[in-house]
Every structure is written in C-alpha cells, then in structure tokens.
PDB file of N, CA and C in Angstrom:
ATOM      1  N   MET A   1     218.391 245.041-114.773  1.00  0.00           N
ATOM      2  CA  MET A   1     219.045 245.244-113.486  1.00  0.00           C
ATOM      3  C   MET A   1     220.494 244.750-113.575  1.00  0.00           C
ATOM      4  N   ASN A   2     221.367 245.477-112.892  1.00  0.00           N
ATOM      5  CA  ASN A   2     222.747 245.015-112.803  1.00  0.00           C
ATOM      6  C   ASN A   2     223.194 245.062-111.351  1.00  0.00           C
ATOM      7  N   GLU A   3     224.442 244.729-111.097  1.00  0.00           N
ATOM      8  CA  GLU A   3     224.912 244.621-109.708  1.00  0.00           C
ATOM      9  C   GLU A   3     224.961 245.953-108.982  1.00  0.00           C
ATOM     10  N   ASP A   4     224.895 247.069-109.720  1.00  0.00           N
ATOM     11  CA  ASP A   4     224.886 248.389-109.085  1.00  0.00           C
ATOM     12  C   ASP A   4     223.474 248.845-108.721  1.00  0.00           C
ATOM     13  N   ASP A   5     222.455 248.088-109.110  1.00  0.00           N
ATOM     14  CA  ASP A   5     221.085 248.481-108.830  1.00  0.00           C
ATOM     15  C   ASP A   5     220.722 248.195-107.374  1.00  0.00           C
ATOM     16  N   VAL A   6     219.860 249.047-106.844  1.00  0.00           N
ATOM     17  CA  VAL A   6     219.410 248.928-105.458  1.00  0.00           C
ATOM     18  C   VAL A   6     217.906 249.134-105.407  1.00  0.00           C
ATOM     19  N   ARG A   7     217.352 248.899-104.235  1.00  0.00           N
ATOM     20  CA  ARG A   7     215.947 249.178-103.946  1.00  0.00           C
ATOM     21  C   ARG A   7     215.902 250.168-102.792  1.00  0.00           C
ATOM     22  N   LEU A   8     215.286 251.302-103.037  1.00  0.00           N
ATOM     23  CA  LEU A   8     215.050 252.309-102.011  1.00  0.00           C
ATOM     24  C   LEU A   8     213.586 252.248-101.627  1.00  0.00           C
ATOM     25  N   THR A   9     213.314 252.113-100.334  1.00  0.00           N
ATOM     26  CA  THR A   9     211.954 252.274 -99.827  1.00  0.00           C
ATOM     27  C   THR A   9     211.995 253.450 -98.865  1.00  0.00           C
ATOM     28  N   ALA A  10     211.164 254.457 -99.143  1.00  0.00           N
ATOM     29  CA  ALA A  10     211.137 255.669 -98.323  1.00  0.00           C
ATOM     30  C   ALA A  10     209.710 255.926 -97.863  1.00  0.00           C
ATOM     31  N   TRP A  11     209.593 256.357 -96.608  1.00  0.00           N
ATOM     32  CA  TRP A  11     208.307 256.751 -96.047  1.00  0.00           C
ATOM     33  C   TRP A  11     208.395 258.240 -95.749  1.00  0.00           C
ATOM     34  N   VAL A  12     207.506 259.005 -96.389  1.00  0.00           N
ATOM     35  CA  VAL A  12     207.543 260.463 -96.300  1.00  0.00           C
ATOM     36  C   VAL A  12     206.418 260.914 -95.366  1.00  0.00           C
ATOM     37  N   ARG A  13     206.802 261.652 -94.311  1.00  0.00           N
ATOM     38  CA  ARG A  13     205.848 262.157 -93.324  1.00  0.00           C
ATOM     39  C   ARG A  13     205.582 263.637 -93.557  1.00  0.00           C
ATOM     40  N   GLY A  14     204.400 264.080 -93.144  1.00  0.00           N
ATOM     41  CA  GLY A  14     204.045 265.488 -93.237  1.00  0.00           C
ATOM     42  C   GLY A  14     202.711 265.659 -93.946  1.00  0.00           C
ATOM     43  N   ARG A  15     202.494 266.844 -94.513  1.00  0.00           N
ATOM     44  CA  ARG A  15     201.275 267.096 -95.294  1.00  0.00           C
ATOM     45  C   ARG A  15     201.598 266.743 -96.742  1.00  0.00           C
ATOM     46  N   VAL A  16     201.484 265.441 -97.035  1.00  0.00           N
ATOM     47  CA  VAL A  16     201.936 264.930 -98.333  1.00  0.00           C
ATOM     48  C   VAL A  16     200.840 264.180 -99.092  1.00  0.00           C
ATOM     49  N   GLN A  17     199.624 264.226 -98.582  1.00  0.00           N
ATOM     50  CA  GLN A  17     198.505 263.628 -99.312  1.00  0.00           C
ATOM     51  C   GLN A  17     197.547 264.732 -99.716  1.00  0.00           C
ATOM     52  N   GLY A  18     196.978 264.602-100.916  1.00  0.00           N
ATOM     53  CA  GLY A  18     196.033 265.593-101.417  1.00  0.00           C
ATOM     54  C   GLY A  18     196.700 266.842-101.960  1.00  0.00           C
ATOM     55  N   VAL A  19     198.006 266.773-102.223  1.00  0.00           N
ATOM     56  CA  VAL A  19     198.763 267.932-102.711  1.00  0.00           C
ATOM     57  C   VAL A  19     199.538 267.616-103.994  1.00  0.00           C
ATOM     58  N   GLY A  20     199.247 266.462-104.617  1.00  0.00           N
ATOM     59  CA  GLY A  20     199.949 266.080-105.834  1.00  0.00           C
ATOM     60  C   GLY A  20     201.307 265.449-105.596  1.00  0.00           C
ATOM     61  N   PHE A  21     201.556 265.036-104.352  1.00  0.00           N
ATOM     62  CA  PHE A  21     202.879 264.523-103.998  1.00  0.00           C
ATOM     63  C   PHE A  21     203.257 263.301-104.816  1.00  0.00           C
ATOM     64  N   ARG A  22     202.346 262.344-104.966  1.00  0.00           N
ATOM     65  CA  ARG A  22     202.669 261.128-105.727  1.00  0.00           C
ATOM     66  C   ARG A  22     202.937 261.460-107.188  1.00  0.00           C
ATOM     67  N   TRP A  23     202.141 262.370-107.758  1.00  0.00           N
ATOM     68  CA  TRP A  23     202.312 262.748-109.159  1.00  0.00           C
ATOM     69  C   TRP A  23     203.692 263.373-109.373  1.00  0.00           C
ATOM     70  N   PHE A  24     204.072 264.316-108.500  1.00  0.00           N
ATOM     71  CA  PHE A  24     205.378 264.963-108.632  1.00  0.00           C
ATOM     72  C   PHE A  24     206.524 263.987-108.368  1.00  0.00           C
ATOM     73  N   THR A  25     206.308 263.041-107.465  1.00  0.00           N
ATOM     74  CA  THR A  25     207.332 262.018-107.208  1.00  0.00           C
ATOM     75  C   THR A  25     207.553 261.182-108.459  1.00  0.00           C
ATOM     76  N   ARG A  26     206.457 260.781-109.108  1.00  0.00           N
ATOM     77  CA  ARG A  26     206.569 260.009-110.348  1.00  0.00           C
ATOM     78  C   ARG A  26     207.260 260.846-111.427  1.00  0.00           C
ATOM     79  N   ALA A  27     206.859 262.107-111.568  1.00  0.00           N
ATOM     80  CA  ALA A  27     207.467 262.981-112.574  1.00  0.00           C
ATOM     81  C   ALA A  27     208.973 263.119-112.355  1.00  0.00           C
ATOM     82  N   ASN A  28     209.385 263.267-111.106  1.00  0.00           N
ATOM     83  CA  ASN A  28     210.814 263.385-110.808  1.00  0.00           C
ATOM     84  C   ASN A  28     211.544 262.075-111.062  1.00  0.00           C
ATOM     85  N   ALA A  29     210.934 260.949-110.708  1.00  0.00           N
ATOM     86  CA  ALA A  29     211.555 259.650-110.967  1.00  0.00           C
ATOM     87  C   ALA A  29     211.762 259.452-112.470  1.00  0.00           C
ATOM     88  N   LEU A  30     210.762 259.837-113.267  1.00  0.00           N
ATOM     89  CA  LEU A  30     210.881 259.688-114.717  1.00  0.00           C
ATOM     90  C   LEU A  30     211.910 260.660-115.281  1.00  0.00           C
ATOM     91  N   GLU A  31     211.987 261.870-114.709  1.00  0.00           N
ATOM     92  CA  GLU A  31     212.983 262.846-115.168  1.00  0.00           C
ATOM     93  C   GLU A  31     214.400 262.379-114.845  1.00  0.00           C
ATOM     94  N   ILE A  32     214.590 261.803-113.663  1.00  0.00           N
ATOM     95  CA  ILE A  32     215.898 261.249-113.291  1.00  0.00           C
ATOM     96  C   ILE A  32     216.251 260.115-114.257  1.00  0.00           C
ATOM     97  N   GLY A  33     215.258 259.302-114.583  1.00  0.00           N
ATOM     98  CA  GLY A  33     215.433 258.211-115.544  1.00  0.00           C
ATOM     99  C   GLY A  33     216.018 256.964-114.920  1.00  0.00           C
ATOM    100  N   GLY A  34     215.703 255.828-115.495  1.00  0.00           N
ATOM    101  CA  GLY A  34     216.273 254.561-115.055  1.00  0.00           C
ATOM    102  C   GLY A  34     215.699 254.020-113.759  1.00  0.00           C
ATOM    103  N   LEU A  35     214.604 254.601-113.266  1.00  0.00           N
ATOM    104  CA  LEU A  35     213.993 254.145-112.023  1.00  0.00           C
ATOM    105  C   LEU A  35     212.650 253.495-112.296  1.00  0.00           C
ATOM    106  N   LYS A  36     212.389 252.426-111.565  1.00  0.00           N
ATOM    107  CA  LYS A  36     211.097 251.746-111.618  1.00  0.00           C
ATOM    108  C   LYS A  36     210.598 251.596-110.189  1.00  0.00           C
ATOM    109  N   GLY A  37     209.285 251.623-110.031  1.00  0.00           N
ATOM    110  CA  GLY A  37     208.709 251.475-108.699  1.00  0.00           C
ATOM    111  C   GLY A  37     207.367 252.163-108.622  1.00  0.00           C
ATOM    112  N   PHE A  38     207.077 252.767-107.446  1.00  0.00           N
ATOM    113  CA  PHE A  38     205.766 253.385-107.259  1.00  0.00           C
ATOM    114  C   PHE A  38     205.780 254.359-106.089  1.00  0.00           C
ATOM    115  N   ALA A  39     204.733 255.193-106.056  1.00  0.00           N
ATOM    116  CA  ALA A  39     204.428 256.059-104.911  1.00  0.00           C
ATOM    117  C   ALA A  39     202.999 255.742-104.492  1.00  0.00           C
ATOM    118  N   LEU A  40     202.788 255.558-103.181  1.00  0.00           N
ATOM    119  CA  LEU A  40     201.523 255.062-102.657  1.00  0.00           C
ATOM    120  C   LEU A  40     201.129 255.840-101.406  1.00  0.00           C
ATOM    121  N   ASN A  41     199.871 256.320-101.358  1.00  0.00           N
ATOM    122  CA  ASN A  41     199.354 256.928-100.131  1.00  0.00           C
ATOM    123  C   ASN A  41     199.084 255.825 -99.108  1.00  0.00           C
ATOM    124  N   LEU A  42     199.518 256.035 -97.872  1.00  0.00           N
ATOM    125  CA  LEU A  42     199.253 255.091 -96.790  1.00  0.00           C
ATOM    126  C   LEU A  42     198.115 255.625 -95.924  1.00  0.00           C
ATOM    127  N   ALA A  43     197.423 254.721 -95.233  1.00  0.00           N
ATOM    128  CA  ALA A  43     196.267 255.095 -94.413  1.00  0.00           C
ATOM    129  C   ALA A  43     196.635 256.065 -93.291  1.00  0.00           C
ATOM    130  N   ASP A  44     197.901 256.051 -92.838  1.00  0.00           N
ATOM    131  CA  ASP A  44     198.304 256.902 -91.714  1.00  0.00           C
ATOM    132  C   ASP A  44     198.740 258.303 -92.155  1.00  0.00           C
ATOM    133  N   GLY A  45     198.578 258.630 -93.455  1.00  0.00           N
ATOM    134  CA  GLY A  45     198.901 259.962 -93.933  1.00  0.00           C
ATOM    135  C   GLY A  45     200.266 260.087 -94.580  1.00  0.00           C
ATOM    136  N   ARG A  46     201.089 259.052 -94.484  1.00  0.00           N
ATOM    137  CA  ARG A  46     202.397 259.085 -95.132  1.00  0.00           C
ATOM    138  C   ARG A  46     202.273 258.661 -96.592  1.00  0.00           C
ATOM    139  N   VAL A  47     203.337 258.916 -97.366  1.00  0.00           N
ATOM    140  CA  VAL A  47     203.466 258.386 -98.714  1.00  0.00           C
ATOM    141  C   VAL A  47     204.651 257.434 -98.718  1.00  0.00           C
ATOM    142  N   GLN A  48     204.439 256.235 -99.237  1.00  0.00           N
ATOM    143  CA  GLN A  48     205.515 255.263 -99.400  1.00  0.00           C
ATOM    144  C   GLN A  48     206.028 255.359-100.827  1.00  0.00           C
ATOM    145  N   VAL A  49     207.338 255.448-100.971  1.00  0.00           N
ATOM    146  CA  VAL A  49     207.977 255.497-102.280  1.00  0.00           C
ATOM    147  C   VAL A  49     208.934 254.317-102.379  1.00  0.00           C
ATOM    148  N   VAL A  50     208.773 253.511-103.419  1.00  0.00           N
ATOM    149  CA  VAL A  50     209.694 252.412-103.703  1.00  0.00           C
ATOM    150  C   VAL A  50     210.307 252.693-105.064  1.00  0.00           C
ATOM    151  N   ALA A  51     211.638 252.721-105.113  1.00  0.00           N
ATOM    152  CA  ALA A  51     212.341 252.966-106.368  1.00  0.00           C
ATOM    153  C   ALA A  51     213.462 251.952-106.515  1.00  0.00           C
ATOM    154  N   GLU A  52     213.560 251.375-107.691  1.00  0.00           N
ATOM    155  CA  GLU A  52     214.644 250.448-108.000  1.00  0.00           C
ATOM    156  C   GLU A  52     215.398 250.959-109.214  1.00  0.00           C
ATOM    157  N   GLY A  53     216.714 250.876-109.154  1.00  0.00           N
ATOM    158  CA  GLY A  53     217.569 251.306-110.244  1.00  0.00           C
ATOM    159  C   GLY A  53     218.957 251.594-109.719  1.00  0.00           C
ATOM    160  N   PRO A  54     219.779 252.283-110.502  1.00  0.00           N
ATOM    161  CA  PRO A  54     221.138 252.607-110.071  1.00  0.00           C
ATOM    162  C   PRO A  54     221.121 253.416-108.768  1.00  0.00           C
ATOM    163  N   ARG A  55     222.059 253.103-107.864  1.00  0.00           N
ATOM    164  CA  ARG A  55     222.069 253.748-106.552  1.00  0.00           C
ATOM    165  C   ARG A  55     222.106 255.273-106.650  1.00  0.00           C
ATOM    166  N   HIS A  56     222.932 255.831-107.545  1.00  0.00           N
ATOM    167  CA  HIS A  56     223.036 257.290-107.617  1.00  0.00           C
ATOM    168  C   HIS A  56     221.723 257.929-108.063  1.00  0.00           C
ATOM    169  N   LYS A  57     220.931 257.208-108.836  1.00  0.00           N
ATOM    170  CA  LYS A  57     219.631 257.736-109.257  1.00  0.00           C
ATOM    171  C   LYS A  57     218.612 257.626-108.128  1.00  0.00           C
ATOM    172  N   CYS A  58     218.655 256.544-107.363  1.00  0.00           N
ATOM    173  CA  CYS A  58     217.792 256.429-106.181  1.00  0.00           C
ATOM    174  C   CYS A  58     218.153 257.509-105.160  1.00  0.00           C
ATOM    175  N   GLU A  59     219.456 257.781-105.010  1.00  0.00           N
ATOM    176  CA  GLU A  59     219.887 258.838-104.090  1.00  0.00           C
ATOM    177  C   GLU A  59     219.398 260.205-104.560  1.00  0.00           C
ATOM    178  N   ALA A  60     219.366 260.435-105.871  1.00  0.00           N
ATOM    179  CA  ALA A  60     218.860 261.702-106.403  1.00  0.00           C
ATOM    180  C   ALA A  60     217.376 261.860-106.074  1.00  0.00           C
ATOM    181  N   LEU A  61     216.601 260.783-106.191  1.00  0.00           N
ATOM    182  CA  LEU A  61     215.188 260.848-105.843  1.00  0.00           C
ATOM    183  C   LEU A  61     215.019 261.103-104.348  1.00  0.00           C
ATOM    184  N   LEU A  62     215.816 260.440-103.524  1.00  0.00           N
ATOM    185  CA  LEU A  62     215.751 260.646-102.076  1.00  0.00           C
ATOM    186  C   LEU A  62     216.107 262.092-101.720  1.00  0.00           C
ATOM    187  N   ASP A  63     217.117 262.642-102.371  1.00  0.00           N
ATOM    188  CA  ASP A  63     217.473 264.054-102.140  1.00  0.00           C
ATOM    189  C   ASP A  63     216.298 264.961-102.474  1.00  0.00           C
ATOM    190  N   TRP A  64     215.594 264.665-103.582  1.00  0.00           N
ATOM    191  CA  TRP A  64     214.424 265.471-103.944  1.00  0.00           C
ATOM    192  C   TRP A  64     213.336 265.343-102.887  1.00  0.00           C
ATOM    193  N   LEU A  65     213.088 264.106-102.408  1.00  0.00           N
ATOM    194  CA  LEU A  65     212.062 263.896-101.381  1.00  0.00           C
ATOM    195  C   LEU A  65     212.368 264.711-100.131  1.00  0.00           C
ATOM    196  N   ARG A  66     213.632 264.882 -99.813  1.00  0.00           N
ATOM    197  CA  ARG A  66     214.054 265.613 -98.611  1.00  0.00           C
ATOM    198  C   ARG A  66     214.252 267.111 -98.867  1.00  0.00           C
ATOM    199  N   GLY A  67     214.143 267.529-100.119  1.00  0.00           N
ATOM    200  CA  GLY A  67     214.433 268.911-100.483  1.00  0.00           C
ATOM    201  C   GLY A  67     213.259 269.852-100.282  1.00  0.00           C
ATOM    202  N   ASP A  68     213.445 271.074-100.735  1.00  0.00           N
ATOM    203  CA  ASP A  68     212.444 272.128-100.561  1.00  0.00           C
ATOM    204  C   ASP A  68     211.510 272.253-101.763  1.00  0.00           C
ATOM    205  N   ASP A  69     211.672 271.406-102.776  1.00  0.00           N
ATOM    206  CA  ASP A  69     210.925 271.539-104.019  1.00  0.00           C
ATOM    207  C   ASP A  69     209.720 270.605-104.091  1.00  0.00           C
ATOM    208  N   THR A  70     209.396 269.926-102.996  1.00  0.00           N
ATOM    209  CA  THR A  70     208.280 268.984-103.005  1.00  0.00           C
ATOM    210  C   THR A  70     206.971 269.728-102.742  1.00  0.00           C
ATOM    211  N   PRO A  71     205.855 269.203-103.249  1.00  0.00           N
ATOM    212  CA  PRO A  71     204.561 269.795-102.898  1.00  0.00           C
ATOM    213  C   PRO A  71     204.206 269.445-101.450  1.00  0.00           C
ATOM    214  N   GLY A  72     203.325 270.231-100.863  1.00  0.00           N
ATOM    215  CA  GLY A  72     202.936 269.960 -99.484  1.00  0.00           C
ATOM    216  C   GLY A  72     204.032 270.388 -98.527  1.00  0.00           C
ATOM    217  N   LEU A  73     204.137 269.670 -97.439  1.00  0.00           N
ATOM    218  CA  LEU A  73     205.139 269.971 -96.409  1.00  0.00           C
ATOM    219  C   LEU A  73     205.697 268.663 -95.873  1.00  0.00           C
ATOM    220  N   VAL A  74     206.955 268.402 -96.150  1.00  0.00           N
ATOM    221  CA  VAL A  74     207.609 267.176 -95.693  1.00  0.00           C
ATOM    222  C   VAL A  74     208.222 267.431 -94.325  1.00  0.00           C
ATOM    223  N   ASP A  75     207.783 266.637 -93.331  1.00  0.00           N
ATOM    224  CA  ASP A  75     208.341 266.731 -91.977  1.00  0.00           C
ATOM    225  C   ASP A  75     209.540 265.815 -91.810  1.00  0.00           C
ATOM    226  N   GLY A  76     209.619 264.760 -92.606  1.00  0.00           N
ATOM    227  CA  GLY A  76     210.738 263.842 -92.488  1.00  0.00           C
ATOM    228  C   GLY A  76     210.602 262.683 -93.453  1.00  0.00           C
ATOM    229  N   VAL A  77     211.730 262.042 -93.719  1.00  0.00           N
ATOM    230  CA  VAL A  77     211.766 260.888 -94.612  1.00  0.00           C
ATOM    231  C   VAL A  77     212.607 259.806 -93.937  1.00  0.00           C
ATOM    232  N   THR A  78     212.050 258.625 -93.850  1.00  0.00           N
ATOM    233  CA  THR A  78     212.770 257.459 -93.344  1.00  0.00           C
ATOM    234  C   THR A  78     212.998 256.535 -94.527  1.00  0.00           C
ATOM    235  N   GLU A  79     214.230 256.017 -94.654  1.00  0.00           N
ATOM    236  CA  GLU A  79     214.478 255.141 -95.791  1.00  0.00           C
ATOM    237  C   GLU A  79     215.211 253.883 -95.372  1.00  0.00           C
ATOM    238  N   ILE A  80     215.020 252.834 -96.177  1.00  0.00           N
ATOM    239  CA  ILE A  80     215.820 251.617 -96.061  1.00  0.00           C
ATOM    240  C   ILE A  80     216.310 251.256 -97.458  1.00  0.00           C
ATOM    241  N   TRP A  81     217.454 250.594 -97.505  1.00  0.00           N
ATOM    242  CA  TRP A  81     218.074 250.166 -98.765  1.00  0.00           C
ATOM    243  C   TRP A  81     218.123 248.650 -98.781  1.00  0.00           C
ATOM    244  N   ASP A  82     217.932 248.096 -99.972  1.00  0.00           N
ATOM    245  CA  ASP A  82     217.919 246.642-100.110  1.00  0.00           C
ATOM    246  C   ASP A  82     218.323 246.287-101.536  1.00  0.00           C
ATOM    247  N   ARG A  83     218.376 244.995-101.811  1.00  0.00           N
ATOM    248  CA  ARG A  83     218.595 244.528-103.182  1.00  0.00           C
ATOM    249  C   ARG A  83     217.293 244.654-103.947  1.00  0.00           C
ATOM    250  N   PRO A  84     217.353 244.960-105.249  1.00  0.00           N
ATOM    251  CA  PRO A  84     216.116 245.076-106.031  1.00  0.00           C
ATOM    252  C   PRO A  84     215.407 243.734-106.143  1.00  0.00           C
ATOM    253  N   ARG A  85     214.094 243.797-106.201  1.00  0.00           N
ATOM    254  CA  ARG A  85     213.266 242.602-106.342  1.00  0.00           C
ATOM    255  C   ARG A  85     212.675 242.479-107.733  1.00  0.00           C
ATOM    256  N   GLY A  86     212.650 243.609-108.473  1.00  0.00           N
ATOM    257  CA  GLY A  86     212.085 243.571-109.821  1.00  0.00           C
ATOM    258  C   GLY A  86     210.573 243.525-109.805  1.00  0.00           C
ATOM    259  N   GLY A  87     210.013 243.316-110.982  1.00  0.00           N
ATOM    260  CA  GLY A  87     208.570 243.204-111.099  1.00  0.00           C
ATOM    261  C   GLY A  87     207.870 244.497-111.465  1.00  0.00           C
ATOM    262  N   TYR A  88     208.603 245.586-111.705  1.00  0.00           N
ATOM    263  CA  TYR A  88     208.007 246.859-112.080  1.00  0.00           C
ATOM    264  C   TYR A  88     208.343 247.166-113.539  1.00  0.00           C
ATOM    265  N   ASP A  89     207.347 247.650-114.282  1.00  0.00           N
ATOM    266  CA  ASP A  89     207.558 248.003-115.680  1.00  0.00           C
ATOM    267  C   ASP A  89     207.968 249.455-115.837  1.00  0.00           C
ATOM    268  N   THR A  90     207.525 250.302-114.905  1.00  0.00           N
ATOM    269  CA  THR A  90     207.763 251.733-114.975  1.00  0.00           C
ATOM    270  C   THR A  90     207.698 252.291-113.558  1.00  0.00           C
ATOM    271  N   PHE A  91     207.589 253.599-113.420  1.00  0.00           N
ATOM    272  CA  PHE A  91     207.351 254.208-112.106  1.00  0.00           C
ATOM    273  C   PHE A  91     205.905 254.645-112.079  1.00  0.00           C
ATOM    274  N   ALA A  92     205.126 254.086-111.159  1.00  0.00           N
ATOM    275  CA  ALA A  92     203.675 254.251-111.164  1.00  0.00           C
ATOM    276  C   ALA A  92     203.174 254.977-109.924  1.00  0.00           C
ATOM    277  N   ILE A  93     201.954 255.481-110.047  1.00  0.00           N
ATOM    278  CA  ILE A  93     201.218 255.995-108.896  1.00  0.00           C
ATOM    279  C   ILE A  93     200.240 254.915-108.505  1.00  0.00           C
ATOM    280  N   ARG A  94     200.234 254.592-107.234  1.00  0.00           N
ATOM    281  CA  ARG A  94     199.288 253.566-106.741  1.00  0.00           C
ATOM    282  C   ARG A  94     198.347 254.184-105.728  1.00  0.00           C
TER     283      ARG A  94
END
C-alpha cells in the first residue's frame, strides 16, 4: 500500500444475486489488477464490494459496477471512500 491507495466500499442494488455477479466482479478486479478485497452477498439482496488499491483502479471497478456489462440487473450503486485497512491477500468471493 502507498499513499495513493484507497478503500472503496460499494453496495450494489438490483437483481445481482444468483447471476454470477460476485464471480464477474472478482474477474474484473483481477483483470484491472492491483486490487484486493472481496464481493459478498448480503441478506437483503444486495452485493457488497470492498476493494483496496490505487484510486484510479478502484474507480475503474466502480465504473464497471455501474456499467451495462454486469450480469443481472443493477438498479444502483452506493459507494463510500476511505483509507485502506489492509488484511486482504487477493480479491475474493465471500
């Protein structure tokens, strides 16, 4: 981690469970490169995505989450930005 690294936490609403959303999110995070974190199904039907790494790479993942190339149907994405906390070895599905 360096001083340009950030933590993105995004909550994705819509039909995003049972459609491979977490798998594709992980695949995109790994393709972007330099990101660590996870994608997690929440009990209320949303998917939580936490990504840590360079801000421009986190922004690229957020753009993908909001884009038309995601599986399922995304109704909206809410995000917050913070300092990275670390503790992740890779980008995982939880």
